[in-house]
Amino acid sequence: MRRAVALVALALASCALVDHSPTTTPAPVEEPTAPKAPAPAPAPAPAPTPAPPAPTVEPDEPRQAAELLGYYQRVAGLGLEDQKRELATATQSFNRERSNGNRVRLALLYSIPGSAVQDDARAAQLLEPIASGSGAVRQLAGLVHGQVTDRLKTQKRADQLKDQVEQLRALEKDLIERGGQTPPPRKP
């Protein structure tokens, strides 16, 4: 698990190093030419349609995603009481400001496997609205959301199998009890 977190952190950090700014080339210089006869007036061009706005990606998102991964590693190693305090702090922060960073921070706490604060259903609920889209924090949310929903599906299947085993045990017990009773003798 720690290797996966480290790989994600490395990938996010490398995304931050790539320069996504558009490059510009200098406009060609036109040389003066001899005057020509006036050309007919061009027809008015149709009004340009505005381009859809580019998705806004905060410039510090890769840094924030790396900080969230570090936070997860630190909190995963804490004891029960410290994790409960972190949960209370993260919940208060999220209630004050419902930012993507605070949402992911709280969901990360809920997604720590084997901890006393683990609540995969709550983590999935928090991450679902932001689990898709561009940006390092949203991509991290998507990754964690995928892991949490997989665990939920696995747990649901395990619960179904457990119920089936219990039903089979009850059926077996019923058959054993019936087998212990001898039927009344038949009259000839």
C-alpha atoms as a PDB file:
ATOM      1  CA  MET A   1       0.000   0.000   0.000  1.00  0.00           C
ATOM      2  CA  ARG A   2       2.813   2.376   0.867  1.00  0.00           C
ATOM      3  CA  ARG A   3       4.474   1.657  -2.474  1.00  0.00           C
ATOM      4  CA  ALA A   4       1.263   2.542  -4.292  1.00  0.00           C
ATOM      5  CA  VAL A   5       1.016   5.800  -2.340  1.00  0.00           C
ATOM      6  CA  ALA A   6       4.655   6.589  -3.095  1.00  0.00           C
ATOM      7  CA  LEU A   7       4.146   5.874  -6.811  1.00  0.00           C
ATOM      8  CA  VAL A   8       1.103   8.129  -6.940  1.00  0.00           C
ATOM      9  CA  ALA A   9       3.035  10.867  -5.149  1.00  0.00           C
ATOM     10  CA  LEU A  10       5.903  10.537  -7.621  1.00  0.00           C
ATOM     11  CA  ALA A  11       3.529  10.646 -10.580  1.00  0.00           C
ATOM     12  CA  LEU A  12       1.779  13.721  -9.240  1.00  0.00           C
ATOM     13  CA  ALA A  13       5.058  15.452  -8.545  1.00  0.00           C
ATOM     14  CA  SER A  14       6.230  14.784 -12.092  1.00  0.00           C
ATOM     15  CA  CYS A  15       2.993  16.286 -13.421  1.00  0.00           C
ATOM     16  CA  ALA A  16       3.846  19.467 -11.575  1.00  0.00           C
ATOM     17  CA  LEU A  17       7.187  19.676 -13.343  1.00  0.00           C
ATOM     18  CA  VAL A  18       5.698  19.590 -16.840  1.00  0.00           C
ATOM     19  CA  ASP A  19       5.190  23.086 -18.235  1.00  0.00           C
ATOM     20  CA  HIS A  20       1.688  23.329 -19.696  1.00  0.00           C
ATOM     21  CA  SER A  21       1.954  26.979 -20.740  1.00  0.00           C
ATOM     22  CA  PRO A  22       1.340  27.636 -24.448  1.00  0.00           C
ATOM     23  CA  THR A  23       4.391  28.528 -26.464  1.00  0.00           C
ATOM     24  CA  THR A  24       4.310  31.528 -28.752  1.00  0.00           C
ATOM     25  CA  THR A  25       6.217  32.043 -31.940  1.00  0.00           C
ATOM     26  CA  PRO A  26       7.052  35.460 -33.266  1.00  0.00           C
ATOM     27  CA  ALA A  27       4.794  36.707 -36.034  1.00  0.00           C
ATOM     28  CA  PRO A  28       6.429  36.689 -39.472  1.00  0.00           C
ATOM     29  CA  VAL A  29       7.639  40.052 -40.638  1.00  0.00           C
ATOM     30  CA  GLU A  30       6.014  41.240 -43.835  1.00  0.00           C
ATOM     31  CA  GLU A  31       8.154  43.008 -46.340  1.00  0.00           C
ATOM     32  CA  PRO A  32       6.756  46.122 -48.018  1.00  0.00           C
ATOM     33  CA  THR A  33       5.416  45.513 -51.520  1.00  0.00           C
ATOM     34  CA  ALA A  34       4.329  47.741 -54.310  1.00  0.00           C
ATOM     35  CA  PRO A  35       0.806  49.145 -53.961  1.00  0.00           C
ATOM     36  CA  LYS A  36      -1.829  47.032 -55.670  1.00  0.00           C
ATOM     37  CA  ALA A  37      -5.259  47.851 -56.855  1.00  0.00           C
ATOM     38  CA  PRO A  38      -7.796  47.993 -54.058  1.00  0.00           C
ATOM     39  CA  ALA A  39      -9.537  44.688 -53.512  1.00  0.00           C
ATOM     40  CA  PRO A  40     -13.275  44.507 -53.057  1.00  0.00           C
ATOM     41  CA  ALA A  41     -14.444  44.850 -49.479  1.00  0.00           C
ATOM     42  CA  PRO A  42     -14.632  41.453 -47.794  1.00  0.00           C
ATOM     43  CA  ALA A  43     -17.940  40.200 -46.500  1.00  0.00           C
ATOM     44  CA  PRO A  44     -18.330  40.651 -42.777  1.00  0.00           C
ATOM     45  CA  ALA A  45     -17.104  37.591 -40.908  1.00  0.00           C
ATOM     46  CA  PRO A  46     -19.557  35.801 -38.650  1.00  0.00           C
ATOM     47  CA  ALA A  47     -19.181  36.599 -34.990  1.00  0.00           C
ATOM     48  CA  PRO A  48     -16.745  34.153 -33.419  1.00  0.00           C
ATOM     49  CA  THR A  49     -18.216  31.741 -30.955  1.00  0.00           C
ATOM     50  CA  PRO A  50     -16.493  31.928 -27.627  1.00  0.00           C
ATOM     51  CA  ALA A  51     -14.406  28.899 -26.738  1.00  0.00           C
ATOM     52  CA  PRO A  52     -15.582  26.964 -23.719  1.00  0.00           C
ATOM     53  CA  PRO A  53     -13.667  27.956 -20.618  1.00  0.00           C
ATOM     54  CA  ALA A  54     -10.739  25.718 -19.823  1.00  0.00           C
ATOM     55  CA  PRO A  55     -11.126  23.714 -16.634  1.00  0.00           C
ATOM     56  CA  THR A  56      -9.611  25.596 -13.779  1.00  0.00           C
ATOM     57  CA  VAL A  57      -6.747  23.792 -12.172  1.00  0.00           C
ATOM     58  CA  GLU A  58      -5.186  25.385  -9.173  1.00  0.00           C
ATOM     59  CA  PRO A  59      -1.446  25.817  -9.726  1.00  0.00           C
ATOM     60  CA  ASP A  60      -0.624  24.327  -6.328  1.00  0.00           C
ATOM     61  CA  GLU A  61      -2.749  21.185  -6.779  1.00  0.00           C
ATOM     62  CA  PRO A  62       0.201  18.816  -7.302  1.00  0.00           C
ATOM     63  CA  ARG A  63       1.785  20.143  -4.110  1.00  0.00           C
ATOM     64  CA  GLN A  64      -1.529  19.823  -2.266  1.00  0.00           C
ATOM     65  CA  ALA A  65      -1.976  16.238  -3.504  1.00  0.00           C
ATOM     66  CA  ALA A  66       1.536  15.351  -2.348  1.00  0.00           C
ATOM     67  CA  GLU A  67       0.775  16.891   1.060  1.00  0.00           C
ATOM     68  CA  LEU A  68      -2.432  14.844   1.296  1.00  0.00           C
ATOM     69  CA  LEU A  69      -0.495  11.654   0.551  1.00  0.00           C
ATOM     70  CA  GLY A  70       2.038  12.536   3.236  1.00  0.00           C
ATOM     71  CA  TYR A  71      -0.817  13.263   5.625  1.00  0.00           C
ATOM     72  CA  TYR A  72      -2.338   9.849   4.899  1.00  0.00           C
ATOM     73  CA  GLN A  73       0.947   8.078   5.605  1.00  0.00           C
ATOM     74  CA  ARG A  74       1.426   9.983   8.847  1.00  0.00           C
ATOM     75  CA  VAL A  75      -2.120   9.434  10.125  1.00  0.00           C
ATOM     76  CA  ALA A  76      -2.170   5.741   9.136  1.00  0.00           C
ATOM     77  CA  GLY A  77       0.663   5.170  11.602  1.00  0.00           C
ATOM     78  CA  LEU A  78      -1.004   6.944  14.539  1.00  0.00           C
ATOM     79  CA  GLY A  79      -2.692   5.260  17.482  1.00  0.00           C
ATOM     80  CA  LEU A  80      -6.438   5.066  18.028  1.00  0.00           C
ATOM     81  CA  GLU A  81      -6.805   8.218  20.137  1.00  0.00           C
ATOM     82  CA  ASP A  82      -4.644  10.295  17.799  1.00  0.00           C
ATOM     83  CA  GLN A  83      -6.653   9.107  14.786  1.00  0.00           C
ATOM     84  CA  LYS A  84      -9.887  10.064  16.543  1.00  0.00           C
ATOM     85  CA  ARG A  85      -8.478  13.554  17.241  1.00  0.00           C
ATOM     86  CA  GLU A  86      -7.416  13.890  13.606  1.00  0.00           C
ATOM     87  CA  LEU A  87     -10.898  12.814  12.528  1.00  0.00           C
ATOM     88  CA  ALA A  88     -12.499  15.481  14.734  1.00  0.00           C
ATOM     89  CA  THR A  89     -10.118  18.144  13.396  1.00  0.00           C
ATOM     90  CA  ALA A  90     -10.635  17.121   9.756  1.00  0.00           C
ATOM     91  CA  THR A  91     -14.420  17.062  10.232  1.00  0.00           C
ATOM     92  CA  GLN A  92     -14.390  20.581  11.698  1.00  0.00           C
ATOM     93  CA  SER A  93     -12.207  21.835   8.843  1.00  0.00           C
ATOM     94  CA  PHE A  94     -14.512  20.283   6.258  1.00  0.00           C
ATOM     95  CA  ASN A  95     -17.614  21.743   7.925  1.00  0.00           C
ATOM     96  CA  ARG A  96     -16.024  25.218   7.931  1.00  0.00           C
ATOM     97  CA  GLU A  97     -14.747  25.077   4.349  1.00  0.00           C
ATOM     98  CA  ARG A  98     -15.985  22.432   1.969  1.00  0.00           C
ATOM     99  CA  SER A  99     -12.961  22.576  -0.322  1.00  0.00           C
ATOM    100  CA  ASN A 100     -11.730  19.605  -2.330  1.00  0.00           C
ATOM    101  CA  GLY A 101      -8.610  19.425  -0.173  1.00  0.00           C
ATOM    102  CA  ASN A 102     -10.596  19.234   3.074  1.00  0.00           C
ATOM    103  CA  ARG A 103     -12.996  16.712   1.501  1.00  0.00           C
ATOM    104  CA  VAL A 104     -10.131  14.430   0.443  1.00  0.00           C
ATOM    105  CA  ARG A 105      -8.362  14.829   3.803  1.00  0.00           C
ATOM    106  CA  LEU A 106     -11.491  13.662   5.660  1.00  0.00           C
ATOM    107  CA  ALA A 107     -12.097  10.827   3.184  1.00  0.00           C
ATOM    108  CA  LEU A 108      -8.492   9.661   3.557  1.00  0.00           C
ATOM    109  CA  LEU A 109      -9.032   9.307   7.300  1.00  0.00           C
ATOM    110  CA  TYR A 110     -12.171   7.263   6.740  1.00  0.00           C
ATOM    111  CA  SER A 111     -10.356   5.059   4.209  1.00  0.00           C
ATOM    112  CA  ILE A 112      -7.478   3.877   6.430  1.00  0.00           C
ATOM    113  CA  PRO A 113      -7.845   0.085   6.362  1.00  0.00           C
ATOM    114  CA  GLY A 114      -8.070  -1.653   9.715  1.00  0.00           C
ATOM    115  CA  SER A 115      -8.311   1.565  11.732  1.00  0.00           C
ATOM    116  CA  ALA A 116     -10.969   2.347  14.294  1.00  0.00           C
ATOM    117  CA  VAL A 117     -12.138   5.309  12.206  1.00  0.00           C
ATOM    118  CA  GLN A 118     -12.502   3.326   8.962  1.00  0.00           C
ATOM    119  CA  ASP A 119     -15.819   3.970   7.248  1.00  0.00           C
ATOM    120  CA  ASP A 120     -15.572   3.070   3.572  1.00  0.00           C
ATOM    121  CA  ALA A 121     -19.156   4.052   2.829  1.00  0.00           C
ATOM    122  CA  ARG A 122     -18.590   7.560   4.210  1.00  0.00           C
ATOM    123  CA  ALA A 123     -15.269   7.873   2.350  1.00  0.00           C
ATOM    124  CA  ALA A 124     -16.917   6.876  -0.932  1.00  0.00           C
ATOM    125  CA  GLN A 125     -19.749   9.339  -0.308  1.00  0.00           C
ATOM    126  CA  LEU A 126     -17.265  12.167   0.278  1.00  0.00           C
ATOM    127  CA  LEU A 127     -15.134  11.355  -2.764  1.00  0.00           C
ATOM    128  CA  GLU A 128     -17.856  10.602  -5.308  1.00  0.00           C
ATOM    129  CA  PRO A 129     -18.592  14.244  -6.297  1.00  0.00           C
ATOM    130  CA  ILE A 130     -14.938  14.988  -7.102  1.00  0.00           C
ATOM    131  CA  ALA A 131     -13.592  11.592  -8.162  1.00  0.00           C
ATOM    132  CA  SER A 132     -13.437  12.525 -11.820  1.00  0.00           C
ATOM    133  CA  GLY A 133     -11.946  15.426 -13.654  1.00  0.00           C
ATOM    134  CA  SER A 134      -8.556  16.951 -14.088  1.00  0.00           C
ATOM    135  CA  GLY A 135      -6.249  18.154 -11.411  1.00  0.00           C
ATOM    136  CA  ALA A 136      -4.007  16.294  -9.030  1.00  0.00           C
ATOM    137  CA  VAL A 137      -6.394  16.422  -6.064  1.00  0.00           C
ATOM    138  CA  ARG A 138      -9.306  15.118  -8.148  1.00  0.00           C
ATOM    139  CA  GLN A 139      -7.128  12.347  -9.553  1.00  0.00           C
ATOM    140  CA  LEU A 140      -6.073  11.369  -6.044  1.00  0.00           C
ATOM    141  CA  ALA A 141      -9.748  11.405  -5.039  1.00  0.00           C
ATOM    142  CA  GLY A 142     -10.542   9.140  -7.995  1.00  0.00           C
ATOM    143  CA  LEU A 143      -7.810   6.702  -7.013  1.00  0.00           C
ATOM    144  CA  VAL A 144      -8.940   6.480  -3.391  1.00  0.00           C
ATOM    145  CA  HIS A 145     -12.604   6.313  -4.447  1.00  0.00           C
ATOM    146  CA  GLY A 146     -11.825   3.333  -6.669  1.00  0.00           C
ATOM    147  CA  GLN A 147     -10.063   1.494  -3.855  1.00  0.00           C
ATOM    148  CA  VAL A 148     -12.817   2.226  -1.353  1.00  0.00           C
ATOM    149  CA  THR A 149     -15.628   1.147  -3.686  1.00  0.00           C
ATOM    150  CA  ASP A 150     -13.730  -2.079  -4.454  1.00  0.00           C
ATOM    151  CA  ARG A 151     -13.496  -2.796  -0.723  1.00  0.00           C
ATOM    152  CA  LEU A 152     -17.209  -2.081  -0.334  1.00  0.00           C
ATOM    153  CA  LYS A 153     -18.073  -4.499  -3.154  1.00  0.00           C
ATOM    154  CA  THR A 154     -15.805  -7.162  -1.683  1.00  0.00           C
ATOM    155  CA  GLN A 155     -17.370  -6.725   1.760  1.00  0.00           C
ATOM    156  CA  LYS A 156     -20.873  -6.902   0.317  1.00  0.00           C
ATOM    157  CA  ARG A 157     -20.012 -10.155  -1.471  1.00  0.00           C
ATOM    158  CA  ALA A 158     -18.452 -11.566   1.719  1.00  0.00           C
ATOM    159  CA  ASP A 159     -21.603 -10.686   3.665  1.00  0.00           C
ATOM    160  CA  GLN A 160     -23.753 -12.426   1.036  1.00  0.00           C
ATOM    161  CA  LEU A 161     -21.606 -15.552   1.243  1.00  0.00           C
ATOM    162  CA  LYS A 162     -21.745 -15.479   5.036  1.00  0.00           C
ATOM    163  CA  ASP A 163     -25.553 -15.296   4.903  1.00  0.00           C
ATOM    164  CA  GLN A 164     -25.642 -18.267   2.518  1.00  0.00           C
ATOM    165  CA  VAL A 165     -23.422 -20.309   4.851  1.00  0.00           C
ATOM    166  CA  GLU A 166     -25.709 -19.473   7.783  1.00  0.00           C
ATOM    167  CA  GLN A 167     -28.747 -20.549   5.759  1.00  0.00           C
ATOM    168  CA  LEU A 168     -27.047 -23.822   4.865  1.00  0.00           C
ATOM    169  CA  ARG A 169     -26.153 -24.437   8.513  1.00  0.00           C
ATOM    170  CA  ALA A 170     -29.746 -23.848   9.557  1.00  0.00           C
ATOM    171  CA  LEU A 171     -30.944 -26.213   6.841  1.00  0.00           C
ATOM    172  CA  GLU A 172     -28.410 -28.851   7.922  1.00  0.00           C
ATOM    173  CA  LYS A 173     -29.472 -28.512  11.556  1.00  0.00           C
ATOM    174  CA  ASP A 174     -33.112 -28.900  10.555  1.00  0.00           C
ATOM    175  CA  LEU A 175     -32.335 -32.036   8.543  1.00  0.00           C
ATOM    176  CA  ILE A 176     -30.358 -33.550  11.435  1.00  0.00           C
ATOM    177  CA  GLU A 177     -33.227 -32.875  13.853  1.00  0.00           C
ATOM    178  CA  ARG A 178     -35.696 -34.491  11.471  1.00  0.00           C
ATOM    179  CA  GLY A 179     -33.398 -37.473  10.960  1.00  0.00           C
ATOM    180  CA  GLY A 180     -33.237 -38.074  14.717  1.00  0.00           C
ATOM    181  CA  GLN A 181     -36.967 -38.581  14.882  1.00  0.00           C
ATOM    182  CA  THR A 182     -38.145 -41.985  13.823  1.00  0.00           C
ATOM    183  CA  PRO A 183     -41.311 -42.098  11.868  1.00  0.00           C
ATOM    184  CA  PRO A 184     -44.233 -43.907  13.516  1.00  0.00           C
ATOM    185  CA  PRO A 185     -44.462 -47.615  12.606  1.00  0.00           C
ATOM    186  CA  ARG A 186     -46.828 -48.451   9.798  1.00  0.00           C
ATOM    187  CA  LYS A 187     -49.791 -50.635  10.485  1.00  0.00           C
ATOM    188  CA  PRO A 188     -50.099 -53.603   8.109  1.00  0.00           C
END
